[in-house]
Amino acid sequence: MFIPPPGGPAQVYERFEEDNNITRGPEGIYMRPPERPGFGWQLIVE
């Protein structure tokens, strides 16, 4: 998983958290499960 480097603009981190279903809680940072079945990977065959 790509993680933005520290010290970047706040918008980069907000977008990263939205795109990867990341949420912050009192105990730490968690990744929400996808809404669809599976592991969240989508195979694109061209």
Protein backbone atom coordinates (compact mmCIF):
# COMPACT_ATOMS: atom_id res chain seq x y z
CA MET A 1 0.00 0.00 0.00
CA PHE A 2 1.29 3.46 -0.87
CA ILE A 3 1.65 5.68 2.17
CA PRO A 4 2.26 9.42 1.71
CA PRO A 5 5.55 10.68 3.18
CA PRO A 6 5.38 12.60 6.47
CA GLY A 7 5.25 16.38 6.38
CA GLY A 8 3.05 16.64 3.29
CA PRO A 9 -0.05 18.78 2.82
CA ALA A 10 -3.12 17.83 4.89
CA GLN A 11 -5.18 17.35 1.70
CA VAL A 12 -2.93 14.47 0.64
CA TYR A 13 -3.54 12.61 3.89
CA GLU A 14 -7.29 13.28 3.82
CA ARG A 15 -7.54 11.95 0.26
CA PHE A 16 -5.44 8.90 1.14
CA GLU A 17 -7.71 8.10 4.11
CA GLU A 18 -10.86 8.50 2.00
CA ASP A 19 -9.54 6.36 -0.87
CA ASN A 20 -8.36 3.55 1.43
CA ASN A 21 -11.29 3.53 3.92
CA ILE A 22 -9.08 4.53 6.83
CA THR A 23 -10.65 5.80 10.04
CA ARG A 24 -9.11 7.12 13.24
CA GLY A 25 -10.29 5.99 16.65
CA PRO A 26 -9.21 6.50 20.25
CA GLU A 27 -7.05 3.34 20.15
CA GLY A 28 -5.38 4.03 16.80
CA ILE A 29 -5.90 3.98 13.05
CA TYR A 30 -8.10 1.34 11.42
CA MET A 31 -8.99 0.28 7.89
CA ARG A 32 -12.75 -0.17 7.39
CA PRO A 33 -13.80 -3.34 5.56
CA PRO A 34 -14.98 -2.88 1.97
CA GLU A 35 -18.70 -2.61 1.31
CA ARG A 36 -18.55 -5.32 -1.37
CA PRO A 37 -17.53 -8.95 -0.86
CA GLY A 38 -13.86 -9.78 -1.26
CA PHE A 39 -10.61 -8.15 -0.26
CA GLY A 40 -11.13 -4.86 -2.08
CA TRP A 41 -8.97 -5.79 -5.06
CA GLN A 42 -10.43 -5.35 -8.51
CA LEU A 43 -8.89 -7.24 -11.41
CA ILE A 44 -8.98 -5.28 -14.66
CA VAL A 45 -8.31 -7.36 -17.77
CA GLU A 46 -7.55 -5.43 -20.92
